[in-house]
N, C-alpha and C. Protein backbone atom coordinates (compact mmCIF):
# COMPACT_ATOMS: atom_id res chain seq x y z
N UNK A 1 0.98 -1.34 -0.06
CA UNK A 1 -0.13 -0.07 -0.11
C UNK A 1 1.11 1.11 0.13
N UNK A 2 0.68 2.06 -1.06
CA UNK A 2 1.49 3.81 -0.90
C UNK A 2 1.33 3.87 0.26
N UNK A 3 2.33 4.51 0.74
CA UNK A 3 2.35 5.26 2.27
C UNK A 3 1.39 6.37 2.05
N UNK A 4 1.23 7.00 1.76
CA UNK A 4 0.15 7.77 2.15
C UNK A 4 -1.53 7.90 2.14
N UNK A 5 -1.37 6.70 1.20
CA UNK A 5 -3.11 5.84 1.38
C UNK A 5 -2.92 5.77 2.39
N UNK A 6 -2.39 5.00 2.47
CA UNK A 6 -2.00 4.09 4.28
C UNK A 6 -2.16 4.67 5.26
N UNK A 7 -1.77 6.05 5.53
CA UNK A 7 -1.75 7.04 6.28
C UNK A 7 -3.55 7.35 5.95
N UNK A 8 -3.72 7.89 4.92
CA UNK A 8 -5.41 7.84 5.47
C UNK A 8 -6.05 6.97 5.82
N UNK A 9 -5.62 5.86 5.29
CA UNK A 9 -6.76 4.67 6.32
C UNK A 9 -6.26 4.26 7.26
N UNK A 10 -5.19 4.92 8.25
CA UNK A 10 -5.24 5.04 9.78
C UNK A 10 -5.53 6.32 9.86
N UNK A 11 -5.40 6.87 9.78
CA UNK A 11 -6.44 8.19 9.82
C UNK A 11 -8.49 8.45 10.58
N UNK A 12 -9.07 7.10 9.97
CA UNK A 12 -10.62 6.72 10.54
C UNK A 12 -10.79 5.87 11.42
N UNK A 13 -12.05 6.24 12.27
CA UNK A 13 -12.31 5.53 13.10
C UNK A 13 -11.60 3.54 13.02
N UNK A 14 -11.85 3.18 14.17
CA UNK A 14 -11.24 2.13 13.77
C UNK A 14 -12.52 1.35 12.66
N UNK A 15 -13.78 1.52 12.93
CA UNK A 15 -14.64 0.70 12.91
C UNK A 15 -15.19 0.60 11.27
N UNK A 16 -14.58 2.25 11.44
CA UNK A 16 -14.78 2.95 9.28
C UNK A 16 -13.97 2.12 8.83
N UNK A 17 -12.45 2.32 9.13
CA UNK A 17 -10.97 1.93 8.82
C UNK A 17 -11.15 0.07 8.70
N UNK A 18 -12.25 -0.84 9.20
CA UNK A 18 -12.58 -2.38 8.67
C UNK A 18 -13.17 -2.41 7.57
N UNK A 19 -14.50 -1.32 7.70
CA UNK A 19 -15.28 -1.49 6.40
C UNK A 19 -14.52 -0.73 5.06
N UNK A 20 -14.17 0.35 5.28
CA UNK A 20 -13.20 0.81 3.59
C UNK A 20 -12.17 -0.48 3.44
N UNK A 21 -11.41 -1.13 4.60
CA UNK A 21 -10.48 -2.10 3.95
C UNK A 21 -11.15 -3.30 3.23
N UNK A 22 -12.39 -3.13 3.53
CA UNK A 22 -12.84 -4.34 2.98
C UNK A 22 -13.54 -3.94 1.76
N UNK A 23 -14.37 -2.85 1.67
CA UNK A 23 -14.24 -2.53 0.04
C UNK A 23 -12.72 -2.44 -0.69
N UNK A 24 -11.86 -1.76 -0.06
CA UNK A 24 -10.53 -1.79 -1.15
C UNK A 24 -10.60 -3.30 -1.29
N UNK A 25 -10.67 -4.35 -0.62
CA UNK A 25 -10.23 -5.78 -0.72
C UNK A 25 -11.36 -6.24 -2.02
N UNK A 26 -12.98 -5.39 -2.02
CA UNK A 26 -13.37 -6.10 -2.80
C UNK A 26 -13.17 -5.40 -4.98
N UNK A 27 -12.46 -4.16 -4.89
CA UNK A 27 -12.02 -3.96 -5.35
C UNK A 27 -10.96 -4.58 -6.27
N UNK A 28 -9.94 -4.61 -5.38
CA UNK A 28 -9.01 -5.58 -6.14
C UNK A 28 -9.56 -6.55 -6.32
N UNK A 29 -10.24 -7.75 -5.95
CA UNK A 29 -10.74 -9.17 -6.43
C UNK A 29 -11.33 -8.85 -7.16
N UNK A 30 -12.28 -7.95 -7.23
CA UNK A 30 -13.43 -7.74 -8.71
C UNK A 30 -12.17 -7.48 -9.73
N UNK A 31 -10.83 -6.45 -9.38
CA UNK A 31 -10.20 -5.99 -10.82
C UNK A 31 -9.86 -7.46 -10.80
N UNK A 32 -8.95 -8.59 -10.37
CA UNK A 32 -8.37 -9.57 -10.94
C UNK A 32 -9.49 -10.41 -11.45
N UNK A 33 -11.41 -10.68 -11.10
CA UNK A 33 -11.68 -11.28 -11.59
C UNK A 33 -12.21 -10.87 -13.22
N UNK A 34 -12.53 -9.90 -12.93
CA UNK A 34 -12.53 -9.46 -14.11
C UNK A 34 -11.75 -9.28 -15.36
N UNK A 35 -10.51 -9.41 -15.11
CA UNK A 35 -9.04 -9.38 -15.48
C UNK A 35 -8.30 -8.55 -16.21
N UNK A 36 -8.86 -7.11 -15.33
CA UNK A 36 -8.62 -5.77 -15.34
C UNK A 36 -7.18 -5.63 -15.45
N UNK A 37 -6.66 -6.69 -14.93
CA UNK A 37 -5.30 -6.46 -14.85
C UNK A 37 -4.96 -5.74 -13.39
N UNK A 38 -3.70 -5.04 -13.49
CA UNK A 38 -3.24 -4.32 -12.36
C UNK A 38 -3.97 -2.97 -12.21
N UNK A 39 -4.04 -2.03 -10.78
CA UNK A 39 -4.26 -1.12 -10.54
C UNK A 39 -3.47 -0.99 -9.80
N UNK A 40 -3.77 0.35 -10.08
CA UNK A 40 -3.28 2.26 -9.33
C UNK A 40 -4.19 2.32 -8.06
N UNK A 41 -3.20 2.43 -6.83
CA UNK A 41 -3.68 3.09 -5.44
C UNK A 41 -3.19 4.70 -5.52
N UNK A 42 -3.75 5.43 -5.57
CA UNK A 42 -3.53 6.75 -5.06
C UNK A 42 -4.40 7.44 -4.23
N UNK A 43 -4.29 8.34 -4.02
CA UNK A 43 -5.22 9.50 -3.04
C UNK A 43 -6.07 10.77 -4.07
N UNK A 44 -6.97 10.47 -4.87
CA UNK A 44 -8.03 11.89 -5.48
C UNK A 44 -8.99 12.29 -4.33
N UNK A 45 -8.56 13.75 -4.40
CA UNK A 45 -9.35 14.48 -3.32
C UNK A 45 -9.19 14.28 -2.06
N UNK A 46 -8.14 13.53 -1.44
CA UNK A 46 -7.84 13.09 -0.48
C UNK A 46 -8.49 11.99 0.18
N UNK A 47 -9.05 10.97 -0.81
CA UNK A 47 -9.63 9.88 -0.73
C UNK A 47 -8.86 8.83 -1.31
N UNK A 48 -8.45 7.41 -0.72
CA UNK A 48 -8.32 6.33 -1.53
C UNK A 48 -8.95 6.33 -3.08
N UNK A 49 -7.72 6.21 -4.14
CA UNK A 49 -8.81 5.53 -5.26
C UNK A 49 -7.69 5.02 -5.95
N UNK A 50 -8.87 3.94 -7.40
CA UNK A 50 -8.33 2.81 -7.22
C UNK A 50 -8.59 2.67 -8.89
N UNK A 51 -7.98 2.30 -9.62
CA UNK A 51 -7.69 2.30 -11.06
C UNK A 51 -7.18 1.84 -12.22
N UNK A 52 -7.52 1.17 -13.31
CA UNK A 52 -6.99 -0.05 -14.08
C UNK A 52 -5.52 0.99 -14.57
N UNK A 53 -4.30 0.40 -14.43
CA UNK A 53 -3.30 0.77 -14.55
C UNK A 53 -3.04 0.64 -15.81
N UNK A 54 -3.70 -0.04 -17.01
CA UNK A 54 -4.16 -0.31 -18.81
C UNK A 54 -4.63 0.81 -18.97
N UNK A 55 -4.54 1.62 -19.77
CA UNK A 55 -5.44 3.12 -20.63
C UNK A 55 -5.92 2.42 -21.38
N UNK A 56 -7.60 3.26 -20.82
CA UNK A 56 -8.61 3.08 -21.72
C UNK A 56 -9.40 1.69 -20.76
N UNK A 57 -8.66 1.25 -20.05
CA UNK A 57 -9.69 0.19 -19.70
C UNK A 57 -11.03 0.63 -19.06
N UNK A 58 -11.06 1.16 -17.67
CA UNK A 58 -11.98 1.62 -16.61
C UNK A 58 -12.04 2.83 -16.53
N UNK A 59 -12.66 2.99 -15.44
CA UNK A 59 -12.40 4.55 -14.78
C UNK A 59 -12.12 4.54 -13.25
N UNK A 60 -12.16 5.94 -12.33
CA UNK A 60 -11.48 5.76 -10.92
C UNK A 60 -12.54 5.53 -9.97
N UNK A 61 -12.32 4.38 -9.05
CA UNK A 61 -13.37 3.90 -8.08
C UNK A 61 -12.79 4.83 -7.12
N UNK A 62 -13.43 5.51 -6.21
CA UNK A 62 -13.04 6.06 -5.08
C UNK A 62 -13.30 5.37 -3.45
N UNK A 63 -13.23 5.18 -2.43
CA UNK A 63 -13.68 4.92 -1.07
C UNK A 63 -13.30 6.20 0.16
N UNK A 64 -14.47 6.50 0.81
CA UNK A 64 -14.76 7.53 2.12
C UNK A 64 -15.07 7.43 2.57
N UNK A 65 -15.35 7.92 3.93
CA UNK A 65 -16.23 7.84 4.86
C UNK A 65 -17.22 9.30 4.87
N UNK A 66 -18.38 8.99 4.72
CA UNK A 66 -19.24 10.52 4.51
C UNK A 66 -19.06 11.66 5.92
N UNK A 67 -18.23 12.60 4.83
CA UNK A 67 -18.79 13.56 6.30
C UNK A 67 -19.60 13.55 7.13
N UNK A 68 -19.78 13.64 8.57
CA UNK A 68 -20.72 13.91 9.78
C UNK A 68 -21.72 13.36 9.16
N UNK A 69 -21.43 11.85 9.08
CA UNK A 69 -22.69 10.31 8.71
C UNK A 69 -23.12 9.87 9.58
N UNK A 70 -21.94 9.53 10.65
CA UNK A 70 -21.99 8.77 11.36
C UNK A 70 -22.03 7.68 11.34
N UNK A 71 -20.35 7.20 10.20
CA UNK A 71 -20.16 5.71 9.81
C UNK A 71 -20.22 5.70 8.46
N UNK A 72 -21.13 6.39 8.01
CA UNK A 72 -21.48 5.52 6.56
C UNK A 72 -20.09 6.11 5.83
N UNK A 73 -20.02 4.72 5.02
CA UNK A 73 -19.25 4.98 4.16
C UNK A 73 -19.83 4.96 2.77
N UNK A 74 -18.49 5.16 1.33
CA UNK A 74 -18.89 5.08 0.49
C UNK A 74 -18.05 4.85 -0.86
N UNK A 75 -19.15 3.85 -2.11
CA UNK A 75 -18.05 4.15 -2.98
C UNK A 75 -18.20 4.89 -4.38
N UNK A 76 -16.99 5.81 -4.92
CA UNK A 76 -17.72 6.78 -6.11
C UNK A 76 -16.97 6.40 -7.17
N UNK A 77 -17.75 7.04 -8.11
CA UNK A 77 -17.50 7.13 -8.87
C UNK A 77 -18.00 8.58 -9.79
N UNK A 78 -16.92 8.59 -11.04
CA UNK A 78 -17.30 9.92 -11.46
C UNK A 78 -18.44 10.17 -12.49
N UNK A 79 -18.88 11.62 -11.61
CA UNK A 79 -20.37 11.36 -11.60
C UNK A 79 -20.53 11.70 -13.87
N UNK A 80 -20.11 12.06 -14.05
CA UNK A 80 -20.09 12.01 -16.01
C UNK A 80 -20.22 11.49 -16.15
N UNK A 81 -20.00 9.94 -15.78
CA UNK A 81 -20.34 8.48 -16.17
C UNK A 81 -21.98 8.65 -15.89
N UNK A 82 -22.27 6.64 -16.49
CA UNK A 82 -23.75 6.80 -16.52
C UNK A 82 -23.21 5.42 -15.87
N UNK A 83 -22.59 5.67 -14.98
CA UNK A 83 -22.64 4.62 -14.05
C UNK A 83 -23.65 4.20 -12.86
N UNK A 84 -23.80 4.92 -12.47
CA UNK A 84 -24.98 4.98 -11.17
C UNK A 84 -26.41 4.81 -11.72
N UNK A 85 -26.52 5.03 -12.82
CA UNK A 85 -27.65 4.80 -13.34
C UNK A 85 -27.75 3.38 -13.88
N UNK A 86 -26.64 3.13 -14.33
CA UNK A 86 -26.61 1.47 -14.69
C UNK A 86 -27.09 0.70 -13.45
N UNK A 87 -26.14 1.32 -12.43
CA UNK A 87 -26.06 0.30 -11.05
C UNK A 87 -27.50 0.61 -10.51
N UNK A 88 -28.32 1.78 -10.45
CA UNK A 88 -30.06 1.61 -10.09
C UNK A 88 -30.81 0.87 -11.11
N UNK A 89 -30.30 0.68 -12.18
CA UNK A 89 -31.02 -0.31 -13.13
C UNK A 89 -30.87 -1.80 -12.48
N UNK A 90 -29.84 -1.85 -12.13
CA UNK A 90 -29.34 -3.65 -11.97
C UNK A 90 -30.00 -3.71 -11.03
N UNK A 91 -29.49 -2.88 -9.98
CA UNK A 91 -29.33 -2.78 -8.41
C UNK A 91 -30.22 -2.24 -7.50
N UNK A 92 -30.73 -1.34 -7.92
CA UNK A 92 -31.71 -0.09 -7.49
C UNK A 92 -32.83 -0.73 -5.82
N UNK A 93 -32.69 -1.79 -5.66
CA UNK A 93 -33.22 -2.64 -4.43
C UNK A 93 -32.56 -2.74 -3.10
N UNK A 94 -31.01 -3.03 -3.86
CA UNK A 94 -30.36 -3.15 -2.92
C UNK A 94 -29.30 -2.12 -1.96
N UNK A 95 -29.25 -0.61 -2.95
CA UNK A 95 -28.22 0.20 -2.80
C UNK A 95 -28.38 1.29 -3.05
N UNK A 96 -28.25 2.15 -2.04
CA UNK A 96 -28.69 3.55 -1.47
C UNK A 96 -27.82 4.34 -1.97
N UNK A 97 -27.85 5.37 -3.20
CA UNK A 97 -27.77 6.15 -3.92
C UNK A 97 -27.35 7.68 -3.39
N UNK A 98 -26.47 8.43 -3.69
CA UNK A 98 -26.14 9.66 -3.50
C UNK A 98 -26.08 10.07 -4.73
N UNK A 99 -27.21 10.93 -5.16
CA UNK A 99 -27.15 11.27 -6.85
C UNK A 99 -26.76 10.48 -7.61
N UNK A 100 -25.48 11.31 -8.55
CA UNK A 100 -25.13 10.20 -10.01
C UNK A 100 -23.59 9.76 -9.67
N UNK A 101 -22.69 9.97 -8.10
CA UNK A 101 -21.53 10.02 -7.51
C UNK A 101 -21.44 8.55 -6.66
N UNK A 102 -22.53 8.31 -5.82
CA UNK A 102 -21.58 7.58 -4.91
C UNK A 102 -23.27 5.98 -4.24
N UNK A 103 -21.99 4.86 -4.36
CA UNK A 103 -23.01 4.50 -3.36
C UNK A 103 -22.97 4.01 -1.76
N UNK A 104 -23.79 4.77 -1.54
CA UNK A 104 -23.31 4.39 0.01
C UNK A 104 -24.28 3.68 1.00
N UNK A 105 -23.16 2.87 2.15
CA UNK A 105 -23.49 2.05 2.94
C UNK A 105 -23.54 2.90 4.67
N UNK A 106 -25.00 2.34 5.03
CA UNK A 106 -24.65 3.24 6.68
C UNK A 106 -23.85 2.03 7.14
N UNK A 107 -23.95 3.43 8.47
CA UNK A 107 -22.75 2.09 10.01
C UNK A 107 -23.67 0.93 10.24
N UNK A 108 -23.07 -0.29 10.09
CA UNK A 108 -23.37 -1.59 10.36
C UNK A 108 -24.55 -1.97 9.08
N UNK A 109 -24.58 -1.65 8.46
CA UNK A 109 -25.28 -2.38 6.90
C UNK A 109 -24.67 -3.37 6.22
N UNK A 110 -25.53 -4.64 6.65
CA UNK A 110 -24.66 -5.99 5.59
C UNK A 110 -24.69 -5.18 3.80
N UNK A 111 -23.36 -5.57 3.45
CA UNK A 111 -22.87 -4.50 1.95
C UNK A 111 -23.45 -6.20 1.14
N UNK A 112 -23.90 -5.94 -0.07
CA UNK A 112 -24.42 -7.09 -0.56
C UNK A 112 -22.94 -7.10 -1.69
N UNK A 113 -22.01 -7.54 -1.37
CA UNK A 113 -20.58 -8.37 -2.09
C UNK A 113 -20.83 -8.57 -3.37
N UNK A 114 -21.42 -9.37 -3.37
CA UNK A 114 -21.92 -9.85 -4.55
C UNK A 114 -22.07 -8.92 -5.91
N UNK A 115 -23.82 -8.19 -5.36
CA UNK A 115 -23.89 -7.17 -6.76
C UNK A 115 -22.79 -5.88 -7.07
N UNK A 116 -22.25 -5.52 -5.23
CA UNK A 116 -20.84 -4.30 -5.58
C UNK A 116 -20.01 -4.63 -5.93
N UNK A 117 -19.59 -5.80 -5.83
CA UNK A 117 -18.13 -6.78 -7.25
C UNK A 117 -18.58 -6.41 -8.50
N UNK A 118 -19.85 -6.26 -8.60
CA UNK A 118 -20.09 -6.39 -10.32
C UNK A 118 -20.23 -5.47 -10.56
N UNK A 119 -20.71 -4.11 -9.86
CA UNK A 119 -20.59 -2.82 -9.94
C UNK A 119 -19.14 -2.40 -10.34
N UNK A 120 -18.49 -2.80 -9.05
CA UNK A 120 -17.20 -2.07 -9.25
C UNK A 120 -15.79 -2.65 -10.50
N UNK A 121 -16.65 -3.81 -10.64
CA UNK A 121 -16.34 -4.04 -12.66
C UNK A 121 -16.74 -4.05 -13.57
N UNK A 122 -17.84 -3.30 -12.96
CA UNK A 122 -17.97 -2.33 -14.61
C UNK A 122 -17.88 -1.20 -14.95
N UNK A 123 -17.48 -0.80 -13.16
CA UNK A 123 -16.54 0.71 -13.90
C UNK A 123 -15.36 0.59 -13.65
N UNK A 124 -14.34 -0.24 -13.31
CA UNK A 124 -13.04 -0.97 -14.12
C UNK A 124 -13.14 -1.10 -15.39
N UNK A 125 -14.05 -1.34 -16.04
CA UNK A 125 -13.77 -1.81 -17.79
C UNK A 125 -15.11 -0.86 -18.26
N UNK A 126 -15.35 0.38 -17.64
CA UNK A 126 -16.34 1.39 -18.04
C UNK A 126 -15.87 1.98 -19.71
N UNK A 127 -14.44 2.11 -19.96
CA UNK A 127 -14.12 2.29 -21.13
C UNK A 127 -13.68 1.00 -22.63
N UNK A 128 -14.16 0.18 -21.90
CA UNK A 128 -14.27 -1.47 -22.62
C UNK A 128 -15.33 -1.83 -23.43
N UNK A 129 -16.32 -1.20 -22.84
CA UNK A 129 -17.47 -1.16 -23.53
C UNK A 129 -18.49 -0.56 -24.59
């Protein structure tokens, strides 16, 4: 893990950190399962961000705690994409969305990992479709 990214994770409260690290693991697993190849892990807007190293493969995924939300975490995608609309169409009954930019998970809520992994794979292969 990049030291700057690690420092951001270390700054979260333990429960939030654990949830975000689980989201991070899902991102890497989805990349592997969808044959995206290696990911770049970096910070964008101070948030852990993940994108395929191969050009024109997919779009950036960011994860973070929602400020002032008492433990909510989110998976962010660029709002200019059609990804959230696609996620809503397929998984509207399983996720809570914030506009056209994020899937939000309440503290303690079970994350539907299979559906989320599919959404992550869709983002990481966005430019290949």
